[in-house]
Amino acid sequence: MRGSATAKTIGIILLVIGGLNWGLVGLFNFDLVAFLLGPMSVLTRITYVLVGIAAVGVGLGMPALCGWGQPCETKSKHPAS
C-alpha cells in the first residue's frame, strides 16, 4: 500500500515540524510557523491543524497503543522453536 506509507511519512514530517516549533517556542519564545506564514494567518492555522491531525493519526497507528503499553501480538512467519 503505497498511499499508507506516504501518509505515514507526511504525518511524521508534520510531527517533526510541530516538535521543532514547540521546542523553539519553549526555549526562545519564537514561533517559527507564525514567523514564516504570518501570525495566525490562514496558512498558519492550517499548519497547526495538520500537525494536530498528524499527531492523532501517528499516535493511533503506534503499535505500543494496542495494549496501553503492552506490545501488540504479531503473527510470525516462522513457527516458534
Protein backbone atom coordinates (compact mmCIF):
# COMPACT_ATOMS: atom_id res chain seq x y z
CA MET A 1 0.00 0.00 0.00
CA ARG A 2 1.93 2.99 -1.27
CA GLY A 3 -0.63 5.55 -0.06
CA SER A 4 -0.39 4.34 3.51
CA ALA A 5 3.40 4.70 3.53
CA THR A 6 3.12 8.18 2.04
CA ALA A 7 0.54 9.22 4.66
CA LYS A 8 2.79 7.93 7.45
CA THR A 9 5.77 9.80 6.04
CA ILE A 10 3.78 13.03 5.79
CA GLY A 11 2.49 12.52 9.32
CA ILE A 12 5.97 12.04 10.71
CA ILE A 13 7.27 15.10 8.83
CA LEU A 14 4.43 17.18 10.27
CA LEU A 15 5.20 15.88 13.76
CA VAL A 16 8.85 16.85 13.38
CA ILE A 17 7.81 20.35 12.24
CA GLY A 18 5.44 20.64 15.20
CA GLY A 19 8.03 19.34 17.64
CA LEU A 20 10.71 21.71 16.40
CA ASN A 21 8.26 24.60 16.53
CA TRP A 22 7.24 23.81 20.13
CA GLY A 23 10.90 23.43 21.08
CA LEU A 24 11.63 26.89 19.70
CA VAL A 25 8.59 28.31 21.49
CA GLY A 26 9.68 26.75 24.78
CA LEU A 27 13.35 27.71 24.53
CA PHE A 28 13.21 31.08 22.83
CA ASN A 29 9.54 32.13 22.75
CA PHE A 30 9.87 32.04 18.94
CA ASP A 31 7.06 30.58 16.81
CA LEU A 32 8.73 29.58 13.53
CA VAL A 33 5.46 28.66 11.80
CA ALA A 34 3.94 32.06 12.61
CA PHE A 35 7.18 33.77 11.58
CA LEU A 36 7.21 32.04 8.18
CA LEU A 37 3.48 32.09 7.42
CA GLY A 38 2.24 35.10 9.37
CA PRO A 39 0.81 35.29 12.87
CA MET A 40 -2.50 33.39 12.90
CA SER A 41 -2.84 33.64 9.13
CA VAL A 42 -4.97 31.07 7.34
CA LEU A 43 -1.85 29.11 6.35
CA THR A 44 -0.54 29.17 9.92
CA ARG A 45 -3.83 27.85 11.28
CA ILE A 46 -3.98 25.15 8.59
CA THR A 47 -0.43 24.10 9.52
CA TYR A 48 -1.37 23.86 13.21
CA VAL A 49 -4.46 21.79 12.36
CA LEU A 50 -2.47 19.46 10.10
CA VAL A 51 0.16 18.96 12.82
CA GLY A 52 -2.62 18.10 15.28
CA ILE A 53 -4.24 15.65 12.87
CA ALA A 54 -0.83 14.07 12.21
CA ALA A 55 -0.27 13.64 15.94
CA VAL A 56 -3.59 11.84 16.35
CA GLY A 57 -3.03 9.70 13.25
CA VAL A 58 0.51 8.67 14.13
CA GLY A 59 -0.45 8.16 17.76
CA LEU A 60 -3.32 5.85 16.88
CA GLY A 61 -1.10 3.94 14.49
CA MET A 62 1.57 3.21 17.07
CA PRO A 63 1.73 -0.48 17.91
CA ALA A 64 2.51 0.31 21.55
CA LEU A 65 -1.06 1.54 21.97
CA CYS A 66 -2.53 -1.90 21.30
CA GLY A 67 -2.49 -2.84 24.95
CA TRP A 68 -1.86 0.50 26.65
CA GLY A 69 1.86 -0.02 26.86
CA GLN A 70 1.88 -3.74 26.17
CA PRO A 71 3.39 -4.87 22.86
CA CYS A 72 0.93 -5.96 20.20
CA GLU A 73 0.77 -9.61 19.30
CA THR A 74 2.07 -10.16 15.81
CA LYS A 75 1.84 -13.25 13.67
CA SER A 76 5.28 -14.58 12.99
CA LYS A 77 6.05 -16.02 9.57
CA HIS A 78 8.31 -18.55 11.23
CA PRO A 79 7.00 -21.04 13.78
CA ALA A 80 8.48 -20.74 17.24
CA SER A 81 11.02 -23.43 18.08
